[in-house]
């Protein structure tokens, strides 16, 4: 491994180990890199790290090549409709300060400490929200009001369909679409509520 700095230029010569070699393969593994104004700080960095510029450059090249195959993100699990008992146990060791902070945060969000930890784990595994008791109560009230509004819209749409003379004052398709959006939203919120108050199997 050889380094041949040219004091008159900003070039650095380094030797790279051959990927494949044979007696008939006479190609050199030397490359020349024109660092320009980066030569001085590069040499200073290498001196600080206690490595030669050739060795440091090989490490940079190796990391760049290894980085081509970036690992894919882990697959998110989904919550099924099948109930599952919490029978598997795991011991968790935390510091006293971590436990104190955990209890404080859990209480603020309306959780028992163990339930808060479980909620955080399930949120990380599924990417789905898990709400505390104050948010749970607010979502429940909101969903009840939206469901009542959706029922009223359905009744209005039925009246308009049976009374064509009243259609001039309302657009049935707008009411129908609004009812559909409300139904979709309430279904989604209901899933969040069920995932918060019950334990469902992950798949």
C-alpha atoms as a PDB file:
ATOM      1  CA  UNK A   1       0.000   0.000   0.000  1.00  0.00           C
ATOM      2  CA  UNK A   2       1.749   3.141  -1.092  1.00  0.00           C
ATOM      3  CA  UNK A   3       1.071   6.853  -0.899  1.00  0.00           C
ATOM      4  CA  UNK A   4       2.878   9.197  -3.225  1.00  0.00           C
ATOM      5  CA  UNK A   5       1.850  12.795  -2.509  1.00  0.00           C
ATOM      6  CA  UNK A   6       2.875  15.301  -5.150  1.00  0.00           C
ATOM      7  CA  UNK A   7       3.893  18.457  -3.366  1.00  0.00           C
ATOM      8  CA  UNK A   8       3.546  20.566  -6.513  1.00  0.00           C
ATOM      9  CA  UNK A   9      -0.026  19.557  -7.257  1.00  0.00           C
ATOM     10  CA  UNK A  10      -3.220  18.827  -5.385  1.00  0.00           C
ATOM     11  CA  UNK A  11      -3.255  15.200  -6.484  1.00  0.00           C
ATOM     12  CA  UNK A  12      -3.094  12.201  -4.193  1.00  0.00           C
ATOM     13  CA  UNK A  13      -2.071   8.797  -5.514  1.00  0.00           C
ATOM     14  CA  UNK A  14      -3.344   5.755  -3.707  1.00  0.00           C
ATOM     15  CA  UNK A  15      -3.205   2.028  -4.228  1.00  0.00           C
ATOM     16  CA  UNK A  16      -6.450   0.085  -4.126  1.00  0.00           C
ATOM     17  CA  UNK A  17      -6.329  -3.680  -3.550  1.00  0.00           C
ATOM     18  CA  UNK A  18      -7.367  -5.584  -6.687  1.00  0.00           C
ATOM     19  CA  UNK A  19     -10.848  -7.082  -6.729  1.00  0.00           C
ATOM     20  CA  UNK A  20      -9.672 -10.004  -8.885  1.00  0.00           C
ATOM     21  CA  UNK A  21      -6.148 -10.787  -9.936  1.00  0.00           C
ATOM     22  CA  UNK A  22      -4.412 -13.404 -12.014  1.00  0.00           C
ATOM     23  CA  UNK A  23      -1.046 -13.899 -13.573  1.00  0.00           C
ATOM     24  CA  UNK A  24      -2.385 -12.627 -16.894  1.00  0.00           C
ATOM     25  CA  UNK A  25      -4.175  -9.593 -15.402  1.00  0.00           C
ATOM     26  CA  UNK A  26      -1.565  -6.837 -15.374  1.00  0.00           C
ATOM     27  CA  UNK A  27      -3.937  -3.900 -14.836  1.00  0.00           C
ATOM     28  CA  UNK A  28      -2.838  -1.564 -12.037  1.00  0.00           C
ATOM     29  CA  UNK A  29      -5.020  -0.765  -9.046  1.00  0.00           C
ATOM     30  CA  UNK A  30      -3.638   2.742  -8.666  1.00  0.00           C
ATOM     31  CA  UNK A  31      -6.016   5.667  -9.100  1.00  0.00           C
ATOM     32  CA  UNK A  32      -5.226   9.374  -9.127  1.00  0.00           C
ATOM     33  CA  UNK A  33      -7.651  11.752  -7.453  1.00  0.00           C
ATOM     34  CA  UNK A  34      -7.410  15.513  -7.953  1.00  0.00           C
ATOM     35  CA  UNK A  35      -8.600  16.850  -4.595  1.00  0.00           C
ATOM     36  CA  UNK A  36      -8.035  20.503  -5.372  1.00  0.00           C
ATOM     37  CA  UNK A  37      -8.424  22.620  -2.250  1.00  0.00           C
ATOM     38  CA  UNK A  38      -9.503  19.512  -0.312  1.00  0.00           C
ATOM     39  CA  UNK A  39      -6.012  18.000  -0.335  1.00  0.00           C
ATOM     40  CA  UNK A  40      -4.664  19.843   2.710  1.00  0.00           C
ATOM     41  CA  UNK A  41      -7.692  19.253   4.979  1.00  0.00           C
ATOM     42  CA  UNK A  42      -7.887  15.638   3.771  1.00  0.00           C
ATOM     43  CA  UNK A  43      -4.248  14.987   4.702  1.00  0.00           C
ATOM     44  CA  UNK A  44      -4.772  16.768   8.035  1.00  0.00           C
ATOM     45  CA  UNK A  45      -7.815  14.604   8.746  1.00  0.00           C
ATOM     46  CA  UNK A  46      -5.915  11.422   7.928  1.00  0.00           C
ATOM     47  CA  UNK A  47      -3.024  12.486  10.160  1.00  0.00           C
ATOM     48  CA  UNK A  48      -5.454  13.201  12.986  1.00  0.00           C
ATOM     49  CA  UNK A  49      -7.027   9.754  12.577  1.00  0.00           C
ATOM     50  CA  UNK A  50      -3.639   8.065  12.378  1.00  0.00           C
ATOM     51  CA  UNK A  51      -4.249   6.513   8.957  1.00  0.00           C
ATOM     52  CA  UNK A  52      -2.747   7.027   5.542  1.00  0.00           C
ATOM     53  CA  UNK A  53      -4.788   8.815   2.873  1.00  0.00           C
ATOM     54  CA  UNK A  54      -4.805   5.586   0.844  1.00  0.00           C
ATOM     55  CA  UNK A  55      -6.299   3.609   3.720  1.00  0.00           C
ATOM     56  CA  UNK A  56      -8.865   6.311   4.475  1.00  0.00           C
ATOM     57  CA  UNK A  57      -9.898   6.530   0.825  1.00  0.00           C
ATOM     58  CA  UNK A  58     -10.357   2.774   0.625  1.00  0.00           C
ATOM     59  CA  UNK A  59     -12.641   2.952   3.654  1.00  0.00           C
ATOM     60  CA  UNK A  60     -14.703   5.691   1.989  1.00  0.00           C
ATOM     61  CA  UNK A  61     -15.009   3.649  -1.205  1.00  0.00           C
ATOM     62  CA  UNK A  62     -15.912   0.507   0.744  1.00  0.00           C
ATOM     63  CA  UNK A  63     -18.621   2.318   2.714  1.00  0.00           C
ATOM     64  CA  UNK A  64     -20.035   3.826  -0.473  1.00  0.00           C
ATOM     65  CA  UNK A  65     -20.215   0.401  -2.113  1.00  0.00           C
ATOM     66  CA  UNK A  66     -21.727  -1.214   0.971  1.00  0.00           C
ATOM     67  CA  UNK A  67     -24.326   1.549   1.160  1.00  0.00           C
ATOM     68  CA  UNK A  68     -25.781   0.627  -2.214  1.00  0.00           C
ATOM     69  CA  UNK A  69     -27.797  -2.195  -0.668  1.00  0.00           C
ATOM     70  CA  UNK A  70     -29.776  -0.226   1.894  1.00  0.00           C
ATOM     71  CA  UNK A  71     -31.990  -2.413   4.073  1.00  0.00           C
ATOM     72  CA  UNK A  72     -35.695  -1.965   3.520  1.00  0.00           C
ATOM     73  CA  UNK A  73     -37.881  -0.677   6.317  1.00  0.00           C
ATOM     74  CA  UNK A  74     -39.462  -3.387   8.463  1.00  0.00           C
ATOM     75  CA  UNK A  75     -42.935  -4.413   7.436  1.00  0.00           C
ATOM     76  CA  UNK A  76     -45.685  -2.785   9.478  1.00  0.00           C
ATOM     77  CA  UNK A  77     -48.022  -5.199  11.197  1.00  0.00           C
ATOM     78  CA  UNK A  78     -51.762  -4.765  10.946  1.00  0.00           C
ATOM     79  CA  UNK A  79     -54.364  -5.151  13.653  1.00  0.00           C
ATOM     80  CA  UNK A  80     -56.793  -7.981  12.956  1.00  0.00           C
ATOM     81  CA  UNK A  81     -60.315  -8.418  14.308  1.00  0.00           C
ATOM     82  CA  UNK A  82     -59.309 -11.464  16.341  1.00  0.00           C
ATOM     83  CA  UNK A  83     -58.928 -10.934  20.061  1.00  0.00           C
ATOM     84  CA  UNK A  84     -55.729 -12.142  21.638  1.00  0.00           C
ATOM     85  CA  UNK A  85     -54.935 -12.578  25.303  1.00  0.00           C
ATOM     86  CA  UNK A  86     -51.896 -10.832  26.776  1.00  0.00           C
ATOM     87  CA  UNK A  87     -50.194 -13.993  28.023  1.00  0.00           C
ATOM     88  CA  UNK A  88     -46.602 -13.425  26.845  1.00  0.00           C
ATOM     89  CA  UNK A  89     -44.410 -11.770  29.465  1.00  0.00           C
ATOM     90  CA  UNK A  90     -41.303  -9.655  29.016  1.00  0.00           C
ATOM     91  CA  UNK A  91     -39.123  -8.213  31.750  1.00  0.00           C
ATOM     92  CA  UNK A  92     -38.062  -4.612  31.205  1.00  0.00           C
ATOM     93  CA  UNK A  93     -35.275  -2.970  33.203  1.00  0.00           C
ATOM     94  CA  UNK A  94     -35.220   0.825  33.328  1.00  0.00           C
ATOM     95  CA  UNK A  95     -33.374   3.342  35.439  1.00  0.00           C
ATOM     96  CA  UNK A  96     -35.138   4.987  38.400  1.00  0.00           C
ATOM     97  CA  UNK A  97     -35.280   8.301  36.549  1.00  0.00           C
ATOM     98  CA  UNK A  98     -36.718   6.606  33.461  1.00  0.00           C
ATOM     99  CA  UNK A  99     -39.386   4.889  35.555  1.00  0.00           C
ATOM    100  CA  UNK A 100     -40.327   8.145  37.253  1.00  0.00           C
ATOM    101  CA  UNK A 101     -40.612   9.923  33.908  1.00  0.00           C
ATOM    102  CA  UNK A 102     -42.575   6.991  32.457  1.00  0.00           C
ATOM    103  CA  UNK A 103     -45.101   7.054  35.314  1.00  0.00           C
ATOM    104  CA  UNK A 104     -45.502  10.807  34.987  1.00  0.00           C
ATOM    105  CA  UNK A 105     -46.038  10.654  31.228  1.00  0.00           C
ATOM    106  CA  UNK A 106     -48.404   7.685  31.474  1.00  0.00           C
ATOM    107  CA  UNK A 107     -50.502   9.402  34.133  1.00  0.00           C
ATOM    108  CA  UNK A 108     -50.650  12.590  32.076  1.00  0.00           C
ATOM    109  CA  UNK A 109     -51.987  10.632  29.101  1.00  0.00           C
ATOM    110  CA  UNK A 110     -54.454   8.627  31.187  1.00  0.00           C
ATOM    111  CA  UNK A 111     -52.574   5.324  31.199  1.00  0.00           C
ATOM    112  CA  UNK A 112     -51.267   2.941  33.790  1.00  0.00           C
ATOM    113  CA  UNK A 113     -47.484   2.613  33.295  1.00  0.00           C
ATOM    114  CA  UNK A 114     -47.660  -0.914  31.873  1.00  0.00           C
ATOM    115  CA  UNK A 115     -50.542  -0.011  29.551  1.00  0.00           C
ATOM    116  CA  UNK A 116     -48.582   3.021  28.346  1.00  0.00           C
ATOM    117  CA  UNK A 117     -45.579   0.851  27.464  1.00  0.00           C
ATOM    118  CA  UNK A 118     -47.823  -1.602  25.603  1.00  0.00           C
ATOM    119  CA  UNK A 119     -49.461   1.265  23.695  1.00  0.00           C
ATOM    120  CA  UNK A 120     -46.062   2.604  22.653  1.00  0.00           C
ATOM    121  CA  UNK A 121     -44.979  -0.854  21.479  1.00  0.00           C
ATOM    122  CA  UNK A 122     -48.144  -1.393  19.442  1.00  0.00           C
ATOM    123  CA  UNK A 123     -47.906   2.077  17.937  1.00  0.00           C
ATOM    124  CA  UNK A 124     -44.341   1.353  16.819  1.00  0.00           C
ATOM    125  CA  UNK A 125     -45.240  -2.070  15.402  1.00  0.00           C
ATOM    126  CA  UNK A 126     -48.379  -1.023  13.545  1.00  0.00           C
ATOM    127  CA  UNK A 127     -47.946   2.689  12.876  1.00  0.00           C
ATOM    128  CA  UNK A 128     -51.472   3.126  14.256  1.00  0.00           C
ATOM    129  CA  UNK A 129     -52.339   5.704  16.943  1.00  0.00           C
ATOM    130  CA  UNK A 130     -53.156   4.709  20.503  1.00  0.00           C
ATOM    131  CA  UNK A 131     -54.880   7.445  22.467  1.00  0.00           C
ATOM    132  CA  UNK A 132     -55.095   8.102  26.191  1.00  0.00           C
ATOM    133  CA  UNK A 133     -58.260   8.316  28.266  1.00  0.00           C
ATOM    134  CA  UNK A 134     -58.973  12.046  27.653  1.00  0.00           C
ATOM    135  CA  UNK A 135     -58.603  11.619  23.897  1.00  0.00           C
ATOM    136  CA  UNK A 136     -60.560   8.368  24.060  1.00  0.00           C
ATOM    137  CA  UNK A 137     -63.521  10.098  25.708  1.00  0.00           C
ATOM    138  CA  UNK A 138     -63.382  12.994  23.235  1.00  0.00           C
ATOM    139  CA  UNK A 139     -63.264  10.640  20.243  1.00  0.00           C
ATOM    140  CA  UNK A 140     -66.182   8.641  21.608  1.00  0.00           C
ATOM    141  CA  UNK A 141     -68.344  11.754  21.959  1.00  0.00           C
ATOM    142  CA  UNK A 142     -67.298  12.985  18.523  1.00  0.00           C
ATOM    143  CA  UNK A 143     -68.114   9.667  16.917  1.00  0.00           C
ATOM    144  CA  UNK A 144     -71.534   9.549  18.544  1.00  0.00           C
ATOM    145  CA  UNK A 145     -72.360  13.023  17.232  1.00  0.00           C
ATOM    146  CA  UNK A 146     -71.129  12.196  13.735  1.00  0.00           C
ATOM    147  CA  UNK A 147     -73.130   8.974  13.669  1.00  0.00           C
ATOM    148  CA  UNK A 148     -76.267  10.906  14.618  1.00  0.00           C
ATOM    149  CA  UNK A 149     -75.543  13.452  11.878  1.00  0.00           C
ATOM    150  CA  UNK A 150     -75.040  10.663   9.357  1.00  0.00           C
ATOM    151  CA  UNK A 151     -78.391   9.113  10.272  1.00  0.00           C
ATOM    152  CA  UNK A 152     -80.111  12.474   9.820  1.00  0.00           C
ATOM    153  CA  UNK A 153     -78.512  12.909   6.398  1.00  0.00           C
ATOM    154  CA  UNK A 154     -79.683   9.458   5.363  1.00  0.00           C
ATOM    155  CA  UNK A 155     -83.233  10.351   6.380  1.00  0.00           C
ATOM    156  CA  UNK A 156     -83.066  13.596   4.385  1.00  0.00           C
ATOM    157  CA  UNK A 157     -81.792  11.727   1.324  1.00  0.00           C
ATOM    158  CA  UNK A 158     -84.645   9.214   1.587  1.00  0.00           C
ATOM    159  CA  UNK A 159     -87.229  12.005   1.826  1.00  0.00           C
ATOM    160  CA  UNK A 160     -85.786  13.749  -1.225  1.00  0.00           C
ATOM    161  CA  UNK A 161     -85.777  10.515  -3.200  1.00  0.00           C
ATOM    162  CA  UNK A 162     -89.469   9.979  -2.432  1.00  0.00           C
ATOM    163  CA  UNK A 163     -90.400  13.653  -2.956  1.00  0.00           C
ATOM    164  CA  UNK A 164     -88.983  14.840  -6.291  1.00  0.00           C
ATOM    165  CA  UNK A 165     -90.646  18.242  -5.865  1.00  0.00           C
ATOM    166  CA  UNK A 166     -88.242  19.040  -3.004  1.00  0.00           C
ATOM    167  CA  UNK A 167     -85.074  18.263  -4.945  1.00  0.00           C
ATOM    168  CA  UNK A 168     -84.702  21.824  -6.132  1.00  0.00           C
ATOM    169  CA  UNK A 169     -83.684  22.958  -2.648  1.00  0.00           C
ATOM    170  CA  UNK A 170     -81.098  20.213  -2.073  1.00  0.00           C
ATOM    171  CA  UNK A 171     -78.596  18.248  -4.117  1.00  0.00           C
ATOM    172  CA  UNK A 172     -79.114  14.606  -3.281  1.00  0.00           C
ATOM    173  CA  UNK A 173     -75.687  13.558  -4.550  1.00  0.00           C
ATOM    174  CA  UNK A 174     -73.969  16.053  -2.235  1.00  0.00           C
ATOM    175  CA  UNK A 175     -75.866  14.756   0.777  1.00  0.00           C
ATOM    176  CA  UNK A 176     -75.145  11.155  -0.212  1.00  0.00           C
ATOM    177  CA  UNK A 177     -71.416  11.853  -0.579  1.00  0.00           C
ATOM    178  CA  UNK A 178     -71.294  13.700   2.737  1.00  0.00           C
ATOM    179  CA  UNK A 179     -73.020  10.776   4.406  1.00  0.00           C
ATOM    180  CA  UNK A 180     -70.454   8.398   2.892  1.00  0.00           C
ATOM    181  CA  UNK A 181     -67.530  10.510   4.133  1.00  0.00           C
ATOM    182  CA  UNK A 182     -68.983  10.624   7.635  1.00  0.00           C
ATOM    183  CA  UNK A 183     -69.522   6.865   7.633  1.00  0.00           C
ATOM    184  CA  UNK A 184     -65.942   6.244   6.504  1.00  0.00           C
ATOM    185  CA  UNK A 185     -64.606   8.573   9.193  1.00  0.00           C
ATOM    186  CA  UNK A 186     -66.665   7.031  11.969  1.00  0.00           C
ATOM    187  CA  UNK A 187     -65.602   3.543  10.927  1.00  0.00           C
ATOM    188  CA  UNK A 188     -61.972   4.622  11.074  1.00  0.00           C
ATOM    189  CA  UNK A 189     -62.368   6.235  14.486  1.00  0.00           C
ATOM    190  CA  UNK A 190     -64.188   3.144  15.733  1.00  0.00           C
ATOM    191  CA  UNK A 191     -61.213   1.019  14.703  1.00  0.00           C
ATOM    192  CA  UNK A 192     -58.889   3.318  16.667  1.00  0.00           C
ATOM    193  CA  UNK A 193     -61.142   3.102  19.706  1.00  0.00           C
ATOM    194  CA  UNK A 194     -61.324  -0.673  19.534  1.00  0.00           C
ATOM    195  CA  UNK A 195     -57.560  -0.920  19.172  1.00  0.00           C
ATOM    196  CA  UNK A 196     -57.130   1.246  22.257  1.00  0.00           C
ATOM    197  CA  UNK A 197     -59.564  -0.402  24.657  1.00  0.00           C
ATOM    198  CA  UNK A 198     -59.047  -4.020  23.553  1.00  0.00           C
ATOM    199  CA  UNK A 199     -56.134  -6.265  22.626  1.00  0.00           C
ATOM    200  CA  UNK A 200     -56.257  -7.525  19.070  1.00  0.00           C
ATOM    201  CA  UNK A 201     -53.979  -9.943  17.295  1.00  0.00           C
ATOM    202  CA  UNK A 202     -51.227  -8.510  15.091  1.00  0.00           C
ATOM    203  CA  UNK A 203     -50.464 -10.034  11.711  1.00  0.00           C
END
